[in-house]
Amino acid sequence: MSEIVEHTFAEDGVRRVTLPLPTGPRHVHCYVVGGTLFDTGLGLDAPAWGELGIERIAITHFHPDHVGGAETASAESGATVFQGALDYAQCERVWGSSDWPERIADWFVAHGVPQPIAHELLDQGHAFAPFIRFAPYPDLLYEGSELDGWQVLDLPGHADGHVGFLRDGVLLGGDHLLARITPAVGLYPESRPDPLGDYLASLERTIELAPRIVYPGHGEPITNAADRAREIVQHHHTRLDQVAAALASEPRSGFAVSLDVFGAELSPQQRRFAVAETLSHLERLVFDGRARRDGSADAVTYTGP
């Protein structure tokens, strides 16, 4: 993996710490502003957090590359960890449980994923989970909370409990808005029922807020946040039409629809994201009356309206 890289955006008093990741997108950004560290990386490679003058740690969402190093960063710096209440509850359900790999594998099988691919997901989950060291019992944040002058915003979509931090036109946005790639929005076990609907609403909120600059978890700062949010909204409307076109009068699984939308030549990990993304779009179509969910909890299918 590549080395740790630091960069300072003097105009906003933002210090960016870029940490390597073993898989795409190969890096994640953490930020230090004043005495606050925003996100902590995966935790496998990290700077000497105790030397950065950190007084508090703010987590945008519970995905491994953002929360995985939280316990270590807190222990080394003596800083208190702050995390969204819903996000922390999901963190406990996923990373704090021993059966998450089995639960998610069963979930994908119910949506038509072949057993061999589901078993590969199971093996990956068991191999990956032990490295995640989230901080137990953080101070909980809610919509409207304030942390060192930062307004806490609920921005669900990429994760159900994703939060952003807004101050003076600057948004520390985690993975809510990215410049060159579209944040993944998937349906998973025990998630909110309509994550894509949540995300589209969060993007509309971003358009209304029109922050001057967004410092994201991956890629470069975004100075045209409202325009970028509009682009992503349009992307998902186009994808919704593609998913709707893949439906027919005969029931189809989320896996089968994903083959039409994303193609057949994907690795097991890529297929996991493709199926989850397909399901979030299928559920949005159901809410819009453009699709119907059928079958049972063990074999879920979808048809056209």
C-alpha atoms as a PDB file:
ATOM      1  CA  MET A   1       0.000   0.000   0.000  1.00  0.00           C
ATOM      2  CA  SER A   2       1.042   3.622  -0.520  1.00  0.00           C
ATOM      3  CA  GLU A   3       2.343   5.911   2.204  1.00  0.00           C
ATOM      4  CA  ILE A   4       0.432   8.371   4.369  1.00  0.00           C
ATOM      5  CA  VAL A   5       0.157  11.799   2.713  1.00  0.00           C
ATOM      6  CA  GLU A   6      -0.681  15.086   4.431  1.00  0.00           C
ATOM      7  CA  HIS A   7      -1.929  18.278   2.799  1.00  0.00           C
ATOM      8  CA  THR A   8      -3.106  21.564   4.309  1.00  0.00           C
ATOM      9  CA  PHE A   9      -5.889  23.740   2.889  1.00  0.00           C
ATOM     10  CA  ALA A  10      -4.852  26.941   4.605  1.00  0.00           C
ATOM     11  CA  GLU A  11      -7.877  28.967   3.495  1.00  0.00           C
ATOM     12  CA  ASP A  12     -10.164  26.782   5.613  1.00  0.00           C
ATOM     13  CA  GLY A  13      -7.683  25.700   8.278  1.00  0.00           C
ATOM     14  CA  VAL A  14      -8.152  22.120   7.129  1.00  0.00           C
ATOM     15  CA  ARG A  15      -5.400  19.523   7.385  1.00  0.00           C
ATOM     16  CA  ARG A  16      -6.018  16.449   5.247  1.00  0.00           C
ATOM     17  CA  VAL A  17      -4.464  13.118   6.192  1.00  0.00           C
ATOM     18  CA  THR A  18      -4.700  10.573   3.369  1.00  0.00           C
ATOM     19  CA  LEU A  19      -4.384   6.936   4.415  1.00  0.00           C
ATOM     20  CA  PRO A  20      -3.897   3.922   2.134  1.00  0.00           C
ATOM     21  CA  LEU A  21      -6.548   1.244   1.624  1.00  0.00           C
ATOM     22  CA  PRO A  22      -5.930  -2.326   0.437  1.00  0.00           C
ATOM     23  CA  THR A  23      -8.838  -2.152  -2.045  1.00  0.00           C
ATOM     24  CA  GLY A  24     -10.459   0.492  -4.275  1.00  0.00           C
ATOM     25  CA  PRO A  25     -10.475   3.451  -4.154  1.00  0.00           C
ATOM     26  CA  ARG A  26      -7.070   2.771  -2.543  1.00  0.00           C
ATOM     27  CA  HIS A  27      -7.188   5.773  -0.234  1.00  0.00           C
ATOM     28  CA  VAL A  28      -9.378   7.498   2.340  1.00  0.00           C
ATOM     29  CA  HIS A  29      -9.139  11.057   3.640  1.00  0.00           C
ATOM     30  CA  CYS A  30      -9.326  12.032   7.296  1.00  0.00           C
ATOM     31  CA  TYR A  31      -9.338  15.700   8.278  1.00  0.00           C
ATOM     32  CA  VAL A  32      -8.068  17.654  11.252  1.00  0.00           C
ATOM     33  CA  VAL A  33      -9.666  21.065  11.825  1.00  0.00           C
ATOM     34  CA  GLY A  34      -8.730  22.806  15.032  1.00  0.00           C
ATOM     35  CA  GLY A  35      -8.818  20.048  17.618  1.00  0.00           C
ATOM     36  CA  THR A  36     -11.281  17.821  15.766  1.00  0.00           C
ATOM     37  CA  LEU A  37     -10.362  14.743  13.742  1.00  0.00           C
ATOM     38  CA  PHE A  38     -13.014  13.753  11.202  1.00  0.00           C
ATOM     39  CA  ASP A  39     -12.921   9.981  10.525  1.00  0.00           C
ATOM     40  CA  THR A  40     -10.050   7.638  11.309  1.00  0.00           C
ATOM     41  CA  GLY A  41      -9.415   5.370   8.330  1.00  0.00           C
ATOM     42  CA  LEU A  42      -9.384   1.604   8.382  1.00  0.00           C
ATOM     43  CA  GLY A  43      -6.841   1.408  11.194  1.00  0.00           C
ATOM     44  CA  LEU A  44      -4.271  -0.831   9.488  1.00  0.00           C
ATOM     45  CA  ASP A  45      -1.931   2.051   8.632  1.00  0.00           C
ATOM     46  CA  ALA A  46      -2.252   5.297  10.565  1.00  0.00           C
ATOM     47  CA  PRO A  47      -0.208   8.307  11.657  1.00  0.00           C
ATOM     48  CA  ALA A  48       0.772   8.984  15.248  1.00  0.00           C
ATOM     49  CA  TRP A  49      -2.604  10.386  16.230  1.00  0.00           C
ATOM     50  CA  GLY A  50      -1.289  11.497  19.597  1.00  0.00           C
ATOM     51  CA  GLU A  51       1.013  14.021  17.900  1.00  0.00           C
ATOM     52  CA  LEU A  52      -1.733  15.891  15.993  1.00  0.00           C
ATOM     53  CA  GLY A  53      -3.314  17.831  18.857  1.00  0.00           C
ATOM     54  CA  ILE A  54      -6.615  15.995  18.614  1.00  0.00           C
ATOM     55  CA  GLU A  55      -9.201  16.810  21.292  1.00  0.00           C
ATOM     56  CA  ARG A  56     -12.249  15.099  19.775  1.00  0.00           C
ATOM     57  CA  ILE A  57     -13.000  12.594  16.999  1.00  0.00           C
ATOM     58  CA  ALA A  58     -16.077  12.860  14.760  1.00  0.00           C
ATOM     59  CA  ILE A  59     -17.243   9.893  12.669  1.00  0.00           C
ATOM     60  CA  THR A  60     -19.262  10.479   9.492  1.00  0.00           C
ATOM     61  CA  HIS A  61     -20.399   6.858   9.076  1.00  0.00           C
ATOM     62  CA  PHE A  62     -19.687   3.304  10.132  1.00  0.00           C
ATOM     63  CA  HIS A  63     -18.071   1.908   6.978  1.00  0.00           C
ATOM     64  CA  PRO A  64     -14.714   0.263   7.758  1.00  0.00           C
ATOM     65  CA  ASP A  65     -12.511   2.840   6.040  1.00  0.00           C
ATOM     66  CA  HIS A  66     -14.019   5.614   8.168  1.00  0.00           C
ATOM     67  CA  VAL A  67     -14.574   4.023  11.589  1.00  0.00           C
ATOM     68  CA  GLY A  68     -12.113   1.118  11.653  1.00  0.00           C
ATOM     69  CA  GLY A  69      -9.349   3.036  13.418  1.00  0.00           C
ATOM     70  CA  ALA A  70     -11.532   4.965  15.874  1.00  0.00           C
ATOM     71  CA  GLU A  71     -10.655   3.020  19.012  1.00  0.00           C
ATOM     72  CA  THR A  72      -6.920   3.284  18.319  1.00  0.00           C
ATOM     73  CA  ALA A  73      -7.072   6.990  17.460  1.00  0.00           C
ATOM     74  CA  SER A  74      -9.010   7.662  20.658  1.00  0.00           C
ATOM     75  CA  ALA A  75      -6.608   5.647  22.803  1.00  0.00           C
ATOM     76  CA  GLU A  76      -3.509   7.316  21.321  1.00  0.00           C
ATOM     77  CA  SER A  77      -4.839  10.874  21.477  1.00  0.00           C
ATOM     78  CA  GLY A  78      -7.050  10.705  24.564  1.00  0.00           C
ATOM     79  CA  ALA A  79      -9.834  12.233  22.461  1.00  0.00           C
ATOM     80  CA  THR A  80     -13.538  11.523  22.924  1.00  0.00           C
ATOM     81  CA  VAL A  81     -15.307   9.918  19.955  1.00  0.00           C
ATOM     82  CA  PHE A  82     -18.566  11.396  18.662  1.00  0.00           C
ATOM     83  CA  GLN A  83     -20.810   9.403  16.335  1.00  0.00           C
ATOM     84  CA  GLY A  84     -24.373   9.613  15.038  1.00  0.00           C
ATOM     85  CA  ALA A  85     -26.809   7.657  17.190  1.00  0.00           C
ATOM     86  CA  LEU A  86     -28.295   5.604  14.347  1.00  0.00           C
ATOM     87  CA  ASP A  87     -24.862   5.085  12.832  1.00  0.00           C
ATOM     88  CA  TYR A  88     -23.460   3.745  16.083  1.00  0.00           C
ATOM     89  CA  ALA A  89     -26.416   1.379  16.506  1.00  0.00           C
ATOM     90  CA  GLN A  90     -25.661  -0.054  13.074  1.00  0.00           C
ATOM     91  CA  CYS A  91     -21.960  -0.185  13.902  1.00  0.00           C
ATOM     92  CA  GLU A  92     -22.767  -2.417  16.866  1.00  0.00           C
ATOM     93  CA  ARG A  93     -25.142  -4.619  14.839  1.00  0.00           C
ATOM     94  CA  VAL A  94     -22.557  -5.163  12.113  1.00  0.00           C
ATOM     95  CA  TRP A  95     -19.046  -4.918  13.565  1.00  0.00           C
ATOM     96  CA  GLY A  96     -20.058  -5.725  17.127  1.00  0.00           C
ATOM     97  CA  SER A  97     -21.715  -9.034  16.238  1.00  0.00           C
ATOM     98  CA  SER A  98     -20.160 -12.368  15.372  1.00  0.00           C
ATOM     99  CA  ASP A  99     -22.782 -13.482  12.854  1.00  0.00           C
ATOM    100  CA  TRP A 100     -22.849 -10.529  10.429  1.00  0.00           C
ATOM    101  CA  PRO A 101     -21.069 -12.438   7.611  1.00  0.00           C
ATOM    102  CA  GLU A 102     -23.651 -15.236   7.834  1.00  0.00           C
ATOM    103  CA  ARG A 103     -26.556 -12.775   7.959  1.00  0.00           C
ATOM    104  CA  ILE A 104     -25.428 -10.858   4.901  1.00  0.00           C
ATOM    105  CA  ALA A 105     -24.663 -14.070   2.988  1.00  0.00           C
ATOM    106  CA  ASP A 106     -28.174 -15.385   3.717  1.00  0.00           C
ATOM    107  CA  TRP A 107     -29.582 -12.016   2.638  1.00  0.00           C
ATOM    108  CA  PHE A 108     -27.879 -12.194  -0.737  1.00  0.00           C
ATOM    109  CA  VAL A 109     -28.981 -15.794  -1.272  1.00  0.00           C
ATOM    110  CA  ALA A 110     -32.576 -14.683  -0.634  1.00  0.00           C
ATOM    111  CA  HIS A 111     -32.113 -12.159  -3.437  1.00  0.00           C
ATOM    112  CA  GLY A 112     -30.915 -14.760  -5.912  1.00  0.00           C
ATOM    113  CA  VAL A 113     -27.137 -14.653  -5.465  1.00  0.00           C
ATOM    114  CA  PRO A 114     -25.704 -18.131  -6.202  1.00  0.00           C
ATOM    115  CA  GLN A 115     -24.332 -20.007  -3.222  1.00  0.00           C
ATOM    116  CA  PRO A 116     -20.670 -19.996  -4.413  1.00  0.00           C
ATOM    117  CA  ILE A 117     -20.646 -16.181  -4.616  1.00  0.00           C
ATOM    118  CA  ALA A 118     -22.449 -15.917  -1.271  1.00  0.00           C
ATOM    119  CA  HIS A 119     -19.836 -18.177   0.323  1.00  0.00           C
ATOM    120  CA  GLU A 120     -17.043 -15.974  -1.020  1.00  0.00           C
ATOM    121  CA  LEU A 121     -18.767 -13.001   0.601  1.00  0.00           C
ATOM    122  CA  LEU A 122     -18.979 -14.988   3.830  1.00  0.00           C
ATOM    123  CA  ASP A 123     -15.258 -15.754   3.750  1.00  0.00           C
ATOM    124  CA  GLN A 124     -14.389 -12.106   3.032  1.00  0.00           C
ATOM    125  CA  GLY A 125     -16.566 -10.935   5.908  1.00  0.00           C
ATOM    126  CA  HIS A 126     -14.924 -13.254   8.417  1.00  0.00           C
ATOM    127  CA  ALA A 127     -11.443 -12.229   7.233  1.00  0.00           C
ATOM    128  CA  PHE A 128     -12.148  -8.496   7.332  1.00  0.00           C
ATOM    129  CA  ALA A 129     -14.234  -7.936  10.469  1.00  0.00           C
ATOM    130  CA  PRO A 130     -11.499  -8.582  13.097  1.00  0.00           C
ATOM    131  CA  PHE A 131      -9.487  -5.573  11.892  1.00  0.00           C
ATOM    132  CA  ILE A 132     -12.269  -3.064  12.607  1.00  0.00           C
ATOM    133  CA  ARG A 133     -11.831  -1.297  15.923  1.00  0.00           C
ATOM    134  CA  PHE A 134     -14.747   1.069  16.340  1.00  0.00           C
ATOM    135  CA  ALA A 135     -14.933   3.022  19.600  1.00  0.00           C
ATOM    136  CA  PRO A 136     -17.486   1.614  22.045  1.00  0.00           C
ATOM    137  CA  TYR A 137     -19.887   3.976  23.814  1.00  0.00           C
ATOM    138  CA  PRO A 138     -19.169   7.202  21.905  1.00  0.00           C
ATOM    139  CA  ASP A 139     -20.925  10.462  22.643  1.00  0.00           C
ATOM    140  CA  LEU A 140     -23.982  10.331  20.400  1.00  0.00           C
ATOM    141  CA  LEU A 141     -24.872  12.981  17.824  1.00  0.00           C
ATOM    142  CA  TYR A 142     -28.229  13.850  16.301  1.00  0.00           C
ATOM    143  CA  GLU A 143     -29.579  16.148  13.601  1.00  0.00           C
ATOM    144  CA  GLY A 144     -29.097  19.668  14.939  1.00  0.00           C
ATOM    145  CA  SER A 145     -26.351  18.738  17.407  1.00  0.00           C
ATOM    146  CA  GLU A 146     -23.332  21.026  17.477  1.00  0.00           C
ATOM    147  CA  LEU A 147     -19.712  19.950  17.851  1.00  0.00           C
ATOM    148  CA  ASP A 148     -17.033  22.621  18.242  1.00  0.00           C
ATOM    149  CA  GLY A 149     -19.116  25.014  16.162  1.00  0.00           C
ATOM    150  CA  TRP A 150     -19.949  22.409  13.486  1.00  0.00           C
ATOM    151  CA  GLN A 151     -23.629  21.786  12.760  1.00  0.00           C
ATOM    152  CA  VAL A 152     -24.469  18.083  12.531  1.00  0.00           C
ATOM    153  CA  LEU A 153     -26.530  17.182   9.453  1.00  0.00           C
ATOM    154  CA  ASP A 154     -28.299  13.890   8.877  1.00  0.00           C
ATOM    155  CA  LEU A 155     -27.358  12.884   5.315  1.00  0.00           C
ATOM    156  CA  PRO A 156     -28.618   9.299   4.939  1.00  0.00           C
ATOM    157  CA  GLY A 157     -28.150   7.310   1.763  1.00  0.00           C
ATOM    158  CA  HIS A 158     -24.625   5.969   1.391  1.00  0.00           C
ATOM    159  CA  ALA A 159     -25.148   4.777   4.959  1.00  0.00           C
ATOM    160  CA  ASP A 160     -28.409   5.006   6.873  1.00  0.00           C
ATOM    161  CA  GLY A 161     -26.856   7.004   9.682  1.00  0.00           C
ATOM    162  CA  HIS A 162     -24.404   9.058   7.618  1.00  0.00           C
ATOM    163  CA  VAL A 163     -23.836  12.546   9.044  1.00  0.00           C
ATOM    164  CA  GLY A 164     -22.010  15.606   7.778  1.00  0.00           C
ATOM    165  CA  PHE A 165     -20.516  18.564   9.613  1.00  0.00           C
ATOM    166  CA  LEU A 166     -21.208  22.090   8.339  1.00  0.00           C
ATOM    167  CA  ARG A 167     -19.577  25.350   9.440  1.00  0.00           C
ATOM    168  CA  ASP A 168     -19.137  28.639   7.602  1.00  0.00           C
ATOM    169  CA  GLY A 169     -19.966  27.091   4.232  1.00  0.00           C
ATOM    170  CA  VAL A 170     -17.528  24.201   4.727  1.00  0.00           C
ATOM    171  CA  LEU A 171     -18.960  20.672   4.743  1.00  0.00           C
ATOM    172  CA  LEU A 172     -16.946  17.732   6.066  1.00  0.00           C
ATOM    173  CA  GLY A 173     -18.973  15.298   4.035  1.00  0.00           C
ATOM    174  CA  GLY A 174     -17.570  11.783   4.386  1.00  0.00           C
ATOM    175  CA  ASP A 175     -18.862   9.789   1.421  1.00  0.00           C
ATOM    176  CA  HIS A 176     -22.084  11.745   0.942  1.00  0.00           C
ATOM    177  CA  LEU A 177     -20.724  13.620  -2.075  1.00  0.00           C
ATOM    178  CA  LEU A 178     -17.728  12.579  -4.181  1.00  0.00           C
ATOM    179  CA  ALA A 179     -16.291  14.366  -7.195  1.00  0.00           C
ATOM    180  CA  ARG A 180     -15.365  11.593  -9.652  1.00  0.00           C
ATOM    181  CA  ILE A 181     -17.349   8.565  -8.531  1.00  0.00           C
ATOM    182  CA  THR A 182     -20.928   8.095  -7.433  1.00  0.00           C
ATOM    183  CA  PRO A 183     -21.239   7.006  -3.797  1.00  0.00           C
ATOM    184  CA  ALA A 184     -22.635   3.491  -3.480  1.00  0.00           C
ATOM    185  CA  VAL A 185     -26.228   3.354  -2.251  1.00  0.00           C
ATOM    186  CA  GLY A 186     -27.300  -0.189  -1.475  1.00  0.00           C
ATOM    187  CA  LEU A 187     -30.036  -2.077   0.333  1.00  0.00           C
ATOM    188  CA  TYR A 188     -28.720  -4.388   3.072  1.00  0.00           C
ATOM    189  CA  PRO A 189     -30.111  -6.465   5.941  1.00  0.00           C
ATOM    190  CA  GLU A 190     -31.782  -4.348   8.632  1.00  0.00           C
ATOM    191  CA  SER A 191     -31.268  -1.132   6.677  1.00  0.00           C
ATOM    192  CA  ARG A 192     -33.849   1.587   6.224  1.00  0.00           C
ATOM    193  CA  PRO A 193     -36.481   0.494   3.697  1.00  0.00           C
ATOM    194  CA  ASP A 194     -35.685   3.061   0.989  1.00  0.00           C
ATOM    195  CA  PRO A 195     -32.017   4.076   1.069  1.00  0.00           C
ATOM    196  CA  LEU A 196     -32.086   5.542  -2.441  1.00  0.00           C
ATOM    197  CA  GLY A 197     -35.076   7.691  -1.547  1.00  0.00           C
ATOM    198  CA  ASP A 198     -33.160   8.831   1.531  1.00  0.00           C
ATOM    199  CA  TYR A 199     -30.128   9.641  -0.586  1.00  0.00           C
ATOM    200  CA  LEU A 200     -32.048  11.625  -3.179  1.00  0.00           C
ATOM    201  CA  ALA A 201     -33.565  13.685  -0.351  1.00  0.00           C
ATOM    202  CA  SER A 202     -30.089  14.236   1.134  1.00  0.00           C
ATOM    203  CA  LEU A 203     -28.821  15.425  -2.251  1.00  0.00           C
ATOM    204  CA  GLU A 204     -31.736  17.868  -2.527  1.00  0.00           C
ATOM    205  CA  ARG A 205     -30.813  19.159   0.910  1.00  0.00           C
ATOM    206  CA  THR A 206     -27.234  19.658  -0.244  1.00  0.00           C
ATOM    207  CA  ILE A 207     -28.492  21.609  -3.247  1.00  0.00           C
ATOM    208  CA  GLU A 208     -30.485  23.875  -0.931  1.00  0.00           C
ATOM    209  CA  LEU A 209     -27.596  24.357   1.501  1.00  0.00           C
ATOM    210  CA  ALA A 210     -25.119  24.935  -1.359  1.00  0.00           C
ATOM    211  CA  PRO A 211     -21.950  24.661   0.762  1.00  0.00           C
ATOM    212  CA  ARG A 212     -19.011  26.644  -0.549  1.00  0.00           C
ATOM    213  CA  ILE A 213     -16.727  23.613  -0.413  1.00  0.00           C
ATOM    214  CA  VAL A 214     -17.035  19.945   0.497  1.00  0.00           C
ATOM    215  CA  TYR A 215     -14.101  17.977   1.857  1.00  0.00           C
ATOM    216  CA  PRO A 216     -14.926  14.351   0.953  1.00  0.00           C
ATOM    217  CA  GLY A 217     -13.707  10.963   2.125  1.00  0.00           C
ATOM    218  CA  HIS A 218     -12.214  10.188  -1.287  1.00  0.00           C
ATOM    219  CA  GLY A 219     -10.957  12.386  -4.108  1.00  0.00           C
ATOM    220  CA  GLU A 220     -10.445  16.121  -4.262  1.00  0.00           C
ATOM    221  CA  PRO A 221     -12.452  18.916  -2.587  1.00  0.00           C
ATOM    222  CA  ILE A 222     -15.709  19.830  -4.316  1.00  0.00           C
ATOM    223  CA  THR A 223     -16.285  23.527  -4.986  1.00  0.00           C
ATOM    224  CA  ASN A 224     -19.484  23.071  -7.006  1.00  0.00           C
ATOM    225  CA  ALA A 225     -21.409  20.974  -4.486  1.00  0.00           C
ATOM    226  CA  ALA A 226     -24.910  21.883  -5.675  1.00  0.00           C
ATOM    227  CA  ASP A 227     -24.043  21.124  -9.301  1.00  0.00           C
ATOM    228  CA  ARG A 228     -22.394  17.846  -8.367  1.00  0.00           C
ATOM    229  CA  ALA A 229     -25.437  16.863  -6.293  1.00  0.00           C
ATOM    230  CA  ARG A 230     -27.683  17.576  -9.299  1.00  0.00           C
ATOM    231  CA  GLU A 231     -25.467  15.351 -11.483  1.00  0.00           C
ATOM    232  CA  ILE A 232     -25.801  12.471  -9.043  1.00  0.00           C
ATOM    233  CA  VAL A 233     -29.579  12.931  -8.810  1.00  0.00           C
ATOM    234  CA  GLN A 234     -29.770  12.663 -12.602  1.00  0.00           C
ATOM    235  CA  HIS A 235     -27.491   9.607 -12.571  1.00  0.00           C
ATOM    236  CA  HIS A 236     -29.873   7.788 -10.240  1.00  0.00           C
ATOM    237  CA  HIS A 237     -32.958   8.728 -12.249  1.00  0.00           C
ATOM    238  CA  THR A 238     -31.249   7.275 -15.326  1.00  0.00           C
ATOM    239  CA  ARG A 239     -30.329   4.136 -13.373  1.00  0.00           C
ATOM    240  CA  LEU A 240     -33.919   3.808 -12.129  1.00  0.00           C
ATOM    241  CA  ASP A 241     -35.094   3.768 -15.737  1.00  0.00           C
ATOM    242  CA  GLN A 242     -32.500   1.102 -16.586  1.00  0.00           C
ATOM    243  CA  VAL A 243     -33.613  -1.089 -13.684  1.00  0.00           C
ATOM    244  CA  ALA A 244     -37.291  -0.607 -14.579  1.00  0.00           C
ATOM    245  CA  ALA A 245     -36.520  -1.645 -18.160  1.00  0.00           C
ATOM    246  CA  ALA A 246     -34.977  -4.901 -16.874  1.00  0.00           C
ATOM    247  CA  LEU A 247     -38.230  -5.924 -15.182  1.00  0.00           C
ATOM    248  CA  ALA A 248     -40.878  -8.052 -16.836  1.00  0.00           C
ATOM    249  CA  SER A 249     -44.173  -9.748 -16.034  1.00  0.00           C
ATOM    250  CA  GLU A 250     -42.273 -12.812 -14.796  1.00  0.00           C
ATOM    251  CA  PRO A 251     -40.683 -12.488 -11.322  1.00  0.00           C
ATOM    252  CA  ARG A 252     -36.944 -11.761 -11.309  1.00  0.00           C
ATOM    253  CA  SER A 253     -34.459 -11.707  -8.440  1.00  0.00           C
ATOM    254  CA  GLY A 254     -32.304  -8.713  -7.609  1.00  0.00           C
ATOM    255  CA  PHE A 255     -29.305 -10.769  -8.715  1.00  0.00           C
ATOM    256  CA  ALA A 256     -30.838 -11.459 -12.134  1.00  0.00           C
ATOM    257  CA  VAL A 257     -31.687  -7.798 -12.635  1.00  0.00           C
ATOM    258  CA  SER A 258     -28.146  -6.799 -11.624  1.00  0.00           C
ATOM    259  CA  LEU A 259     -26.749  -8.928 -14.459  1.00  0.00           C
ATOM    260  CA  ASP A 260     -28.718  -6.861 -16.961  1.00  0.00           C
ATOM    261  CA  VAL A 261     -27.852  -3.515 -15.393  1.00  0.00           C
ATOM    262  CA  PHE A 262     -24.205  -4.026 -14.404  1.00  0.00           C
ATOM    263  CA  GLY A 263     -23.136  -6.898 -16.666  1.00  0.00           C
ATOM    264  CA  ALA A 264     -22.042 -10.431 -15.859  1.00  0.00           C
ATOM    265  CA  GLU A 265     -18.258  -9.985 -15.618  1.00  0.00           C
ATOM    266  CA  LEU A 266     -17.766  -8.782 -12.049  1.00  0.00           C
ATOM    267  CA  SER A 267     -15.708 -10.065  -9.139  1.00  0.00           C
ATOM    268  CA  PRO A 268     -17.664 -11.392  -6.126  1.00  0.00           C
ATOM    269  CA  GLN A 269     -16.996  -8.161  -4.229  1.00  0.00           C
ATOM    270  CA  GLN A 270     -18.134  -6.022  -7.167  1.00  0.00           C
ATOM    271  CA  ARG A 271     -21.199  -8.215  -7.581  1.00  0.00           C
ATOM    272  CA  ARG A 272     -22.094  -7.632  -3.927  1.00  0.00           C
ATOM    273  CA  PHE A 273     -22.198  -3.876  -4.522  1.00  0.00           C
ATOM    274  CA  ALA A 274     -24.017  -4.340  -7.835  1.00  0.00           C
ATOM    275  CA  VAL A 275     -26.761  -6.443  -6.244  1.00  0.00           C
ATOM    276  CA  ALA A 276     -27.134  -4.085  -3.275  1.00  0.00           C
ATOM    277  CA  GLU A 277     -27.332  -1.078  -5.630  1.00  0.00           C
ATOM    278  CA  THR A 278     -29.853  -2.872  -7.821  1.00  0.00           C
ATOM    279  CA  LEU A 279     -31.988  -3.657  -4.772  1.00  0.00           C
ATOM    280  CA  SER A 280     -31.987  -0.039  -3.585  1.00  0.00           C
ATOM    281  CA  HIS A 281     -33.219   1.014  -7.023  1.00  0.00           C
ATOM    282  CA  LEU A 282     -35.810  -1.763  -7.128  1.00  0.00           C
ATOM    283  CA  GLU A 283     -37.181  -0.700  -3.753  1.00  0.00           C
ATOM    284  CA  ARG A 284     -37.378   2.931  -4.918  1.00  0.00           C
ATOM    285  CA  LEU A 285     -39.343   1.719  -7.937  1.00  0.00           C
ATOM    286  CA  VAL A 286     -41.669  -0.165  -5.576  1.00  0.00           C
ATOM    287  CA  PHE A 287     -42.234   3.016  -3.534  1.00  0.00           C
ATOM    288  CA  ASP A 288     -42.898   4.906  -6.785  1.00  0.00           C
ATOM    289  CA  GLY A 289     -45.400   2.298  -8.003  1.00  0.00           C
ATOM    290  CA  ARG A 290     -43.167   1.321 -10.931  1.00  0.00           C
ATOM    291  CA  ALA A 291     -42.404  -2.202  -9.641  1.00  0.00           C
ATOM    292  CA  ARG A 292     -43.865  -4.853  -7.351  1.00  0.00           C
ATOM    293  CA  ARG A 293     -42.055  -6.956  -4.759  1.00  0.00           C
ATOM    294  CA  ASP A 294     -43.104 -10.632  -4.701  1.00  0.00           C
ATOM    295  CA  GLY A 295     -42.025 -13.962  -3.295  1.00  0.00           C
ATOM    296  CA  SER A 296     -41.098 -14.648   0.325  1.00  0.00           C
ATOM    297  CA  ALA A 297     -38.454 -13.582   2.830  1.00  0.00           C
ATOM    298  CA  ASP A 298     -36.283 -16.489   1.629  1.00  0.00           C
ATOM    299  CA  ALA A 299     -36.771 -15.849  -2.083  1.00  0.00           C
ATOM    300  CA  VAL A 300     -37.527 -12.224  -2.935  1.00  0.00           C
ATOM    301  CA  THR A 301     -38.461 -11.311  -6.507  1.00  0.00           C
ATOM    302  CA  TYR A 302     -39.644  -8.254  -8.401  1.00  0.00           C
ATOM    303  CA  THR A 303     -41.911  -7.696 -11.370  1.00  0.00           C
ATOM    304  CA  GLY A 304     -43.042  -4.740 -13.425  1.00  0.00           C
ATOM    305  CA  PRO A 305     -46.115  -2.834 -12.205  1.00  0.00           C
END
